[in-house]
Amino acid sequence: MPSTHTSLHYHLVFSTKHREPWLGPESRSRVHEYVEFLKRGMVEFEEKWLW
């Protein structure tokens, strides 16, 4: 029986001009937490709506 397979890949790239450090340690950890939150949301969305 034929089947359909969906695979979504995300590649996020963040950088500053001339790759200069811009975020302090506290801000950096908050940004990492936020990106992880977004990633978990995308995974949950895929599991709920695409499978």
PDB file of N, CA and C in Angstrom:
ATOM      1  N   MET A   1       0.851  -1.162   0.000  1.00  0.00           N
ATOM      2  CA  MET A   1       0.000   0.000   0.000  1.00  0.00           C
ATOM      3  C   MET A   1       0.907   1.239   0.000  1.00  0.00           C
ATOM      4  N   PRO A   2       0.673   2.204  -0.904  1.00  0.00           N
ATOM      5  CA  PRO A   2       1.497   3.414  -0.930  1.00  0.00           C
ATOM      6  C   PRO A   2       1.258   4.272   0.315  1.00  0.00           C
ATOM      7  N   SER A   3       2.266   5.009   0.670  1.00  0.00           N
ATOM      8  CA  SER A   3       2.136   5.910   1.827  1.00  0.00           C
ATOM      9  C   SER A   3       2.759   7.257   1.492  1.00  0.00           C
ATOM     10  N   THR A   4       2.383   8.245   2.261  1.00  0.00           N
ATOM     11  CA  THR A   4       2.930   9.589   2.093  1.00  0.00           C
ATOM     12  C   THR A   4       3.779   9.908   3.308  1.00  0.00           C
ATOM     13  N   HIS A   5       4.946  10.454   3.074  1.00  0.00           N
ATOM     14  CA  HIS A   5       5.848  10.809   4.165  1.00  0.00           C
ATOM     15  C   HIS A   5       6.161  12.300   4.075  1.00  0.00           C
ATOM     16  N   THR A   6       5.984  12.996   5.165  1.00  0.00           N
ATOM     17  CA  THR A   6       6.313  14.416   5.222  1.00  0.00           C
ATOM     18  C   THR A   6       7.469  14.611   6.175  1.00  0.00           C
ATOM     19  N   SER A   7       8.432  15.375   5.753  1.00  0.00           N
ATOM     20  CA  SER A   7       9.579  15.675   6.601  1.00  0.00           C
ATOM     21  C   SER A   7       9.871  17.162   6.521  1.00  0.00           C
ATOM     22  N   LEU A   8       9.797  17.820   7.646  1.00  0.00           N
ATOM     23  CA  LEU A   8      10.075  19.253   7.697  1.00  0.00           C
ATOM     24  C   LEU A   8      11.395  19.480   8.411  1.00  0.00           C
ATOM     25  N   HIS A   9      12.231  20.303   7.833  1.00  0.00           N
ATOM     26  CA  HIS A   9      13.523  20.625   8.423  1.00  0.00           C
ATOM     27  C   HIS A   9      13.600  22.132   8.630  1.00  0.00           C
ATOM     28  N   TYR A  10      14.106  22.540   9.767  1.00  0.00           N
ATOM     29  CA  TYR A  10      14.265  23.959  10.085  1.00  0.00           C
ATOM     30  C   TYR A  10      15.740  24.250  10.285  1.00  0.00           C
ATOM     31  N   HIS A  11      16.170  25.338   9.743  1.00  0.00           N
ATOM     32  CA  HIS A  11      17.554  25.765   9.929  1.00  0.00           C
ATOM     33  C   HIS A  11      17.510  27.259  10.250  1.00  0.00           C
ATOM     34  N   LEU A  12      17.786  27.596  11.489  1.00  0.00           N
ATOM     35  CA  LEU A  12      17.758  28.990  11.931  1.00  0.00           C
ATOM     36  C   LEU A  12      19.178  29.486  12.121  1.00  0.00           C
ATOM     37  N   VAL A  13      19.452  30.657  11.600  1.00  0.00           N
ATOM     38  CA  VAL A  13      20.779  31.243  11.713  1.00  0.00           C
ATOM     39  C   VAL A  13      20.633  32.654  12.262  1.00  0.00           C
ATOM     40  N   PHE A  14      21.346  32.927  13.317  1.00  0.00           N
ATOM     41  CA  PHE A  14      21.355  34.249  13.912  1.00  0.00           C
ATOM     42  C   PHE A  14      22.782  34.779  13.882  1.00  0.00           C
ATOM     43  N   SER A  15      22.934  36.029  13.560  1.00  0.00           N
ATOM     44  CA  SER A  15      24.265  36.615  13.564  1.00  0.00           C
ATOM     45  C   SER A  15      24.135  38.125  13.743  1.00  0.00           C
ATOM     46  N   THR A  16      25.210  38.745  14.166  1.00  0.00           N
ATOM     47  CA  THR A  16      25.263  40.200  14.279  1.00  0.00           C
ATOM     48  C   THR A  16      26.249  40.731  13.243  1.00  0.00           C
ATOM     49  N   LYS A  17      26.172  42.010  13.004  1.00  0.00           N
ATOM     50  CA  LYS A  17      27.061  42.615  12.029  1.00  0.00           C
ATOM     51  C   LYS A  17      28.512  42.370  12.435  1.00  0.00           C
ATOM     52  N   HIS A  18      29.297  41.883  11.508  1.00  0.00           N
ATOM     53  CA  HIS A  18      30.709  41.544  11.727  1.00  0.00           C
ATOM     54  C   HIS A  18      30.887  40.519  12.841  1.00  0.00           C
ATOM     55  N   ARG A  19      29.811  39.811  13.158  1.00  0.00           N
ATOM     56  CA  ARG A  19      29.818  38.757  14.194  1.00  0.00           C
ATOM     57  C   ARG A  19      30.341  39.253  15.539  1.00  0.00           C
ATOM     58  N   GLU A  20      30.057  40.490  15.847  1.00  0.00           N
ATOM     59  CA  GLU A  20      30.476  41.066  17.127  1.00  0.00           C
ATOM     60  C   GLU A  20      29.533  40.605  18.235  1.00  0.00           C
ATOM     61  N   PRO A  21      30.060  40.295  19.423  1.00  0.00           N
ATOM     62  CA  PRO A  21      29.203  39.903  20.547  1.00  0.00           C
ATOM     63  C   PRO A  21      28.248  41.050  20.896  1.00  0.00           C
ATOM     64  N   TRP A  22      26.978  40.709  20.985  1.00  0.00           N
ATOM     65  CA  TRP A  22      25.997  41.748  21.249  1.00  0.00           C
ATOM     66  C   TRP A  22      25.169  41.443  22.483  1.00  0.00           C
ATOM     67  N   LEU A  23      24.938  40.167  22.741  1.00  0.00           N
ATOM     68  CA  LEU A  23      24.129  39.765  23.889  1.00  0.00           C
ATOM     69  C   LEU A  23      25.017  39.475  25.095  1.00  0.00           C
ATOM     70  N   GLY A  24      24.597  39.977  26.224  1.00  0.00           N
ATOM     71  CA  GLY A  24      25.296  39.639  27.456  1.00  0.00           C
ATOM     72  C   GLY A  24      24.902  38.241  27.906  1.00  0.00           C
ATOM     73  N   PRO A  25      25.547  37.711  28.927  1.00  0.00           N
ATOM     74  CA  PRO A  25      25.258  36.346  29.391  1.00  0.00           C
ATOM     75  C   PRO A  25      23.796  36.129  29.776  1.00  0.00           C
ATOM     76  N   GLU A  26      23.202  37.108  30.467  1.00  0.00           N
ATOM     77  CA  GLU A  26      21.798  36.953  30.882  1.00  0.00           C
ATOM     78  C   GLU A  26      20.876  36.955  29.677  1.00  0.00           C
ATOM     79  N   SER A  27      21.088  37.888  28.766  1.00  0.00           N
ATOM     80  CA  SER A  27      20.250  37.959  27.564  1.00  0.00           C
ATOM     81  C   SER A  27      20.426  36.714  26.708  1.00  0.00           C
ATOM     82  N   ARG A  28      21.643  36.250  26.597  1.00  0.00           N
ATOM     83  CA  ARG A  28      21.923  35.071  25.771  1.00  0.00           C
ATOM     84  C   ARG A  28      21.136  33.859  26.277  1.00  0.00           C
ATOM     85  N   SER A  29      21.116  33.643  27.581  1.00  0.00           N
ATOM     86  CA  SER A  29      20.390  32.482  28.111  1.00  0.00           C
ATOM     87  C   SER A  29      18.884  32.642  27.888  1.00  0.00           C
ATOM     88  N   ARG A  30      18.373  33.863  27.987  1.00  0.00           N
ATOM     89  CA  ARG A  30      16.944  34.095  27.739  1.00  0.00           C
ATOM     90  C   ARG A  30      16.596  33.843  26.276  1.00  0.00           C
ATOM     91  N   VAL A  31      17.466  34.245  25.362  1.00  0.00           N
ATOM     92  CA  VAL A  31      17.226  34.005  23.936  1.00  0.00           C
ATOM     93  C   VAL A  31      17.252  32.507  23.657  1.00  0.00           C
ATOM     94  N   HIS A  32      18.188  31.789  24.255  1.00  0.00           N
ATOM     95  CA  HIS A  32      18.257  30.334  24.061  1.00  0.00           C
ATOM     96  C   HIS A  32      16.996  29.662  24.590  1.00  0.00           C
ATOM     97  N   GLU A  33      16.498  30.109  25.732  1.00  0.00           N
ATOM     98  CA  GLU A  33      15.259  29.551  26.286  1.00  0.00           C
ATOM     99  C   GLU A  33      14.089  29.812  25.340  1.00  0.00           C
ATOM    100  N   TYR A  34      14.035  31.008  24.773  1.00  0.00           N
ATOM    101  CA  TYR A  34      12.945  31.366  23.866  1.00  0.00           C
ATOM    102  C   TYR A  34      12.998  30.527  22.586  1.00  0.00           C
ATOM    103  N   VAL A  35      14.179  30.337  22.026  1.00  0.00           N
ATOM    104  CA  VAL A  35      14.322  29.522  20.815  1.00  0.00           C
ATOM    105  C   VAL A  35      13.911  28.083  21.105  1.00  0.00           C
ATOM    106  N   GLU A  36      14.294  27.562  22.264  1.00  0.00           N
ATOM    107  CA  GLU A  36      13.890  26.209  22.652  1.00  0.00           C
ATOM    108  C   GLU A  36      12.370  26.119  22.778  1.00  0.00           C
ATOM    109  N   PHE A  37      11.744  27.150  23.347  1.00  0.00           N
ATOM    110  CA  PHE A  37      10.284  27.209  23.464  1.00  0.00           C
ATOM    111  C   PHE A  37       9.641  27.159  22.079  1.00  0.00           C
ATOM    112  N   LEU A  38      10.160  27.929  21.133  1.00  0.00           N
ATOM    113  CA  LEU A  38       9.621  27.929  19.771  1.00  0.00           C
ATOM    114  C   LEU A  38       9.797  26.561  19.115  1.00  0.00           C
ATOM    115  N   LYS A  39      10.959  25.945  19.330  1.00  0.00           N
ATOM    116  CA  LYS A  39      11.227  24.633  18.738  1.00  0.00           C
ATOM    117  C   LYS A  39      10.246  23.591  19.266  1.00  0.00           C
ATOM    118  N   ARG A  40      10.016  23.608  20.577  1.00  0.00           N
ATOM    119  CA  ARG A  40       9.064  22.657  21.149  1.00  0.00           C
ATOM    120  C   ARG A  40       7.674  22.868  20.576  1.00  0.00           C
ATOM    121  N   GLY A  41       7.303  24.135  20.368  1.00  0.00           N
ATOM    122  CA  GLY A  41       5.997  24.434  19.785  1.00  0.00           C
ATOM    123  C   GLY A  41       5.864  23.898  18.368  1.00  0.00           C
ATOM    124  N   MET A  42       6.929  23.996  17.573  1.00  0.00           N
ATOM    125  CA  MET A  42       6.889  23.474  16.210  1.00  0.00           C
ATOM    126  C   MET A  42       6.764  21.954  16.218  1.00  0.00           C
ATOM    127  N   VAL A  43       7.470  21.294  17.115  1.00  0.00           N
ATOM    128  CA  VAL A  43       7.405  19.834  17.200  1.00  0.00           C
ATOM    129  C   VAL A  43       6.001  19.411  17.597  1.00  0.00           C
ATOM    130  N   GLU A  44       5.406  20.086  18.579  1.00  0.00           N
ATOM    131  CA  GLU A  44       4.053  19.750  19.005  1.00  0.00           C
ATOM    132  C   GLU A  44       3.052  19.985  17.876  1.00  0.00           C
ATOM    133  N   PHE A  45       3.238  21.059  17.118  1.00  0.00           N
ATOM    134  CA  PHE A  45       2.356  21.341  15.992  1.00  0.00           C
ATOM    135  C   PHE A  45       2.446  20.225  14.956  1.00  0.00           C
ATOM    136  N   GLU A  46       3.675  19.817  14.625  1.00  0.00           N
ATOM    137  CA  GLU A  46       3.852  18.742  13.649  1.00  0.00           C
ATOM    138  C   GLU A  46       3.189  17.451  14.129  1.00  0.00           C
ATOM    139  N   GLU A  47       3.399  17.130  15.393  1.00  0.00           N
ATOM    140  CA  GLU A  47       2.829  15.881  15.922  1.00  0.00           C
ATOM    141  C   GLU A  47       1.301  15.928  15.902  1.00  0.00           C
ATOM    142  N   LYS A  48       0.736  17.077  16.184  1.00  0.00           N
ATOM    143  CA  LYS A  48      -0.722  17.184  16.275  1.00  0.00           C
ATOM    144  C   LYS A  48      -1.377  17.239  14.895  1.00  0.00           C
ATOM    145  N   TRP A  49      -0.812  18.009  13.985  1.00  0.00           N
ATOM    146  CA  TRP A  49      -1.494  18.286  12.725  1.00  0.00           C
ATOM    147  C   TRP A  49      -0.960  17.526  11.525  1.00  0.00           C
ATOM    148  N   LEU A  50       0.259  17.042  11.566  1.00  0.00           N
ATOM    149  CA  LEU A  50       0.812  16.400  10.381  1.00  0.00           C
ATOM    150  C   LEU A  50       0.855  14.888  10.470  1.00  0.00           C
ATOM    151  N   TRP A  51       0.625  14.320  11.624  1.00  0.00           N
ATOM    152  CA  TRP A  51       0.672  12.857  11.737  1.00  0.00           C
ATOM    153  C   TRP A  51      -0.694  12.396  12.038  1.00  0.00           C
TER     154      TRP A  51
END
